[in-house]
Protein backbone atom coordinates (compact mmCIF):
# COMPACT_ATOMS: atom_id res chain seq x y z
CA MET A 1 -7.59 -11.95 -92.19
CA ARG A 2 -6.12 -12.47 -88.75
CA GLN A 3 -7.53 -9.13 -87.60
CA ALA A 4 -11.00 -10.08 -88.81
CA LEU A 5 -10.79 -13.43 -87.04
CA PHE A 6 -9.60 -11.70 -83.88
CA LEU A 7 -12.52 -9.25 -84.02
CA LEU A 8 -15.00 -12.09 -84.56
CA MET A 9 -13.66 -13.80 -81.44
CA LEU A 10 -13.62 -10.57 -79.42
CA VAL A 11 -17.23 -9.44 -80.09
CA PRO A 12 -18.97 -12.33 -78.26
CA SER A 13 -16.71 -11.90 -75.22
CA LEU A 14 -17.52 -8.18 -75.08
CA ALA A 15 -21.22 -8.91 -75.30
CA TRP A 16 -20.89 -11.46 -72.50
CA ALA A 17 -19.19 -8.91 -70.21
CA GLN A 18 -22.09 -6.45 -70.40
CA PRO A 19 -24.50 -6.45 -67.42
CA VAL A 20 -27.76 -8.21 -68.12
CA GLN A 21 -30.94 -6.21 -67.49
CA LEU A 22 -33.61 -8.51 -66.07
CA PRO A 23 -37.20 -7.41 -65.66
CA ARG A 24 -38.12 -5.97 -62.27
CA ILE A 25 -38.89 -8.77 -59.81
CA TYR A 26 -41.41 -7.95 -57.13
CA SER A 27 -40.44 -8.59 -53.55
CA CYS A 28 -41.91 -8.91 -50.10
CA GLU A 29 -40.09 -6.01 -48.41
CA LEU A 30 -39.97 -7.95 -45.15
CA PRO A 31 -39.53 -6.22 -41.81
CA PRO A 32 -36.34 -6.90 -39.83
CA PRO A 33 -36.61 -9.59 -37.13
CA ASP A 34 -37.59 -8.33 -33.69
CA SER A 35 -37.23 -10.22 -30.41
CA VAL A 36 -39.82 -9.57 -27.70
CA ASP A 37 -39.58 -10.09 -23.94
CA VAL A 38 -43.17 -10.33 -22.64
CA THR A 39 -42.19 -11.28 -19.07
CA ASP A 40 -39.73 -8.41 -18.48
CA ASP A 41 -37.02 -10.78 -17.23
CA GLY A 42 -34.43 -9.67 -19.78
CA ILE A 43 -34.69 -12.88 -21.83
CA PRO A 44 -36.52 -12.74 -25.20
CA ASP A 45 -39.61 -14.97 -25.32
CA PHE A 46 -40.71 -14.50 -28.95
CA VAL A 47 -39.29 -13.39 -32.27
CA VAL A 48 -41.39 -11.59 -34.90
CA ARG A 49 -39.97 -12.07 -38.39
CA GLY A 50 -40.93 -11.98 -42.03
CA MET A 51 -40.91 -14.99 -44.31
CA LEU A 52 -41.24 -15.57 -48.01
CA GLY A 53 -44.23 -17.69 -48.86
CA GLU A 54 -45.04 -19.43 -52.11
CA ALA A 55 -44.20 -17.86 -55.48
CA THR A 56 -44.36 -18.80 -59.12
CA CYS A 57 -41.11 -19.41 -61.03
CA ASP A 58 -41.83 -17.13 -63.99
CA ILE A 59 -40.20 -13.71 -64.45
CA PRO A 60 -41.73 -11.34 -63.61
CA VAL A 61 -43.48 -13.26 -60.87
CA SER A 62 -47.18 -13.92 -61.53
CA TYR A 63 -47.92 -14.50 -57.87
CA GLY A 64 -45.87 -14.38 -54.69
CA GLY A 65 -46.87 -14.52 -51.06
CA CYS A 66 -45.30 -13.05 -47.94
CA GLU A 67 -46.01 -13.45 -44.25
CA VAL A 68 -44.92 -12.31 -40.81
CA VAL A 69 -44.78 -15.00 -38.14
CA VAL A 70 -44.48 -14.96 -34.36
CA TRP A 71 -42.20 -17.75 -33.20
CA ALA A 72 -41.70 -18.92 -29.60
CA LEU A 73 -38.04 -18.99 -28.61
CA PRO A 74 -36.54 -21.84 -26.54
CA GLY A 75 -38.00 -21.87 -23.03
CA THR A 76 -41.37 -20.47 -24.17
CA ARG A 77 -44.30 -22.54 -25.42
CA LEU A 78 -47.70 -21.69 -26.88
CA LEU A 79 -51.01 -23.26 -25.96
CA GLY A 80 -52.26 -25.45 -28.78
CA ARG A 81 -55.26 -27.63 -29.49
CA LEU A 82 -54.63 -31.35 -29.81
CA HIS A 83 -56.20 -33.07 -32.82
CA PRO A 84 -57.93 -36.42 -32.26
CA MET A 85 -55.74 -38.19 -34.82
CA GLY A 86 -52.51 -36.52 -33.70
CA GLY A 87 -50.86 -33.19 -34.27
CA ARG A 88 -51.40 -29.75 -32.75
CA ASP A 89 -52.18 -26.21 -33.79
CA VAL A 90 -51.57 -23.02 -31.84
CA CYS A 91 -55.00 -21.72 -30.91
CA GLY A 92 -56.31 -18.29 -30.08
CA PHE A 93 -59.26 -17.50 -27.87
CA ALA A 94 -62.11 -14.99 -28.18
CA ARG A 95 -63.46 -12.57 -25.61
CA GLY A 96 -65.28 -14.32 -22.78
CA ASP A 97 -63.57 -17.68 -23.29
CA THR A 98 -62.33 -19.43 -20.16
CA ILE A 99 -59.04 -21.25 -20.63
CA PRO A 100 -57.77 -23.72 -18.04
CA VAL A 101 -54.12 -23.40 -17.08
CA LEU A 102 -52.50 -26.72 -17.80
CA GLU A 103 -49.77 -28.25 -15.71
CA GLU A 104 -47.15 -29.76 -17.98
CA GLY A 105 -46.20 -33.35 -17.31
CA MET A 106 -49.53 -34.30 -15.67
CA ARG A 107 -51.22 -36.91 -17.83
CA ASP A 108 -54.16 -39.13 -17.00
CA ASP A 109 -54.80 -42.06 -19.34
CA LEU A 110 -58.54 -41.80 -18.71
CA ARG A 111 -58.77 -38.13 -19.68
CA ILE A 112 -57.32 -37.11 -23.01
CA PRO A 113 -56.38 -33.42 -22.87
CA ARG A 114 -57.81 -30.99 -25.41
CA TYR A 115 -54.99 -28.48 -25.03
CA ALA A 116 -51.25 -28.73 -24.49
CA PHE A 117 -48.33 -26.32 -24.54
CA MET A 118 -46.17 -26.74 -27.63
CA ASP A 119 -43.14 -25.32 -29.39
CA GLY A 120 -43.85 -23.42 -32.56
CA GLY A 121 -45.38 -20.24 -33.86
CA LEU A 122 -48.28 -18.65 -35.66
CA ARG A 123 -48.89 -16.63 -38.80
CA ALA A 124 -49.59 -13.00 -37.98
CA LEU A 125 -49.72 -11.14 -41.34
CA THR A 126 -50.09 -12.20 -44.96
CA TRP A 127 -49.93 -10.32 -48.26
CA SER A 128 -49.24 -11.00 -51.92
CA TYR A 129 -47.38 -9.42 -54.82
CA GLY A 130 -46.90 -10.05 -58.52
CA ARG A 131 -47.96 -8.99 -61.96
CA ASN A 132 -51.40 -10.62 -61.52
CA GLY A 133 -52.24 -8.32 -58.65
CA THR A 134 -51.32 -7.56 -55.12
CA ALA A 135 -53.05 -7.66 -51.76
CA PRO A 136 -51.94 -5.34 -48.96
CA PRO A 137 -50.73 -6.73 -45.63
CA GLN A 138 -53.58 -7.94 -43.42
CA LEU A 139 -53.93 -9.96 -40.25
CA ALA A 140 -53.85 -13.69 -40.90
CA PRO A 141 -56.95 -15.69 -40.00
CA MET A 142 -57.25 -16.10 -36.21
CA ALA A 143 -54.41 -13.56 -35.55
CA ASP A 144 -56.88 -11.17 -33.87
CA ARG A 145 -57.34 -13.59 -30.95
CA VAL A 146 -55.75 -13.87 -27.49
CA PHE A 147 -52.89 -16.39 -27.23
CA VAL A 148 -51.66 -18.19 -24.11
CA PHE A 149 -48.00 -18.93 -23.38
CA ALA A 150 -45.92 -20.68 -20.74
CA THR A 151 -42.33 -19.66 -20.14
CA ARG A 152 -39.61 -20.49 -17.66
CA MET A 153 -38.35 -17.85 -15.24
CA GLY A 154 -35.62 -19.66 -13.35
CA GLU A 155 -37.14 -22.79 -11.85
CA GLN A 156 -40.71 -21.51 -12.11
CA VAL A 157 -43.12 -21.78 -15.08
CA VAL A 158 -45.05 -18.55 -15.69
CA HIS A 159 -48.25 -18.42 -17.76
CA GLY A 160 -49.64 -15.36 -19.53
CA THR A 161 -51.52 -14.08 -22.54
CA PHE A 162 -50.69 -11.77 -25.43
CA THR A 163 -52.36 -10.18 -28.44
CA LEU A 164 -50.99 -9.00 -31.77
CA GLU A 165 -51.24 -5.37 -32.88
CA PHE A 166 -50.97 -4.71 -36.63
CA GLN A 167 -48.46 -1.97 -37.47
CA LYS A 168 -49.39 -1.15 -41.04
CA ALA A 169 -46.60 1.33 -41.83
CA ARG A 170 -43.86 -1.15 -40.84
CA ARG A 171 -45.60 -4.27 -42.27
CA THR A 172 -45.26 -6.08 -38.97
CA VAL A 173 -47.04 -6.80 -35.68
CA ALA A 174 -46.28 -5.86 -32.10
CA ILE A 175 -46.87 -8.28 -29.25
CA ARG A 176 -48.93 -6.79 -26.41
CA SER A 177 -48.74 -8.56 -23.05
CA GLY A 178 -52.07 -9.51 -21.57
CA SER A 179 -53.20 -10.90 -18.27
CA LEU A 180 -51.83 -13.52 -15.97
CA PRO A 181 -54.10 -16.29 -14.71
CA VAL A 182 -56.68 -15.59 -12.02
CA GLY A 183 -56.59 -18.52 -9.62
CA ASN A 184 -56.10 -21.52 -11.88
CA LYS A 185 -57.95 -20.24 -14.97
CA PHE A 186 -57.66 -17.52 -17.59
CA VAL A 187 -60.71 -15.50 -18.55
CA VAL A 188 -60.17 -13.59 -21.77
CA VAL A 189 -61.29 -9.98 -21.18
CA ARG A 190 -59.96 -8.29 -24.29
C-alpha cells in the first residue's frame, strides 16, 4: 500500500519535470544595433536598431509587427515640423525642396517657426509576422525622403542631410550622408 501511495505521489512530480513543448512562436529576427558617425568626427551621431512593435497575446501569434528605427544620439537633433496645436514630427523632404537652415535659440514672437530641430528618431522599416500572414520588410512611409540634422562638433553646430538605404538581406537600413548647406539654405538634390 505504501509503495502504491509513493508511486501515486511520484508520477505527478515526474510529469512536472519534463520540458514543455510550446508551439513555435514567430519572431522579428531583428538586426543588431549599429551606431553611425555621419560627420566623421569619431563620435556616433545616430543608432539604427530594431524594435518589436505590437503583437497579439495568443499562441501562436496571430499578428506581430516589427520595425527598424533611426534614433539621434545625444548632441544630434533632427529637423521636425511643428504642429499648430503643439508637438513635432521628424520630417523628410523631397527632391527640389528648399529647406532653410534654422539657428537654434532665435525666436521671434511675431513669427511662429514651421520647423525646429528636435531630439528623437524616425521609423525606417516595418514588417509583420504571424499565423494570419506575413509582410516582408519594406521602407516605412516617408523613409525614402531626405532628412536634415544638426550636430555639435566641439563648440560649433554643423548641419547636414542624410538618406536611408534599404539593405534587404540584413533587414536594416544604412545611413548615407548627404550635402551640407549652400549659403544659408539646403536644396535637396537627391
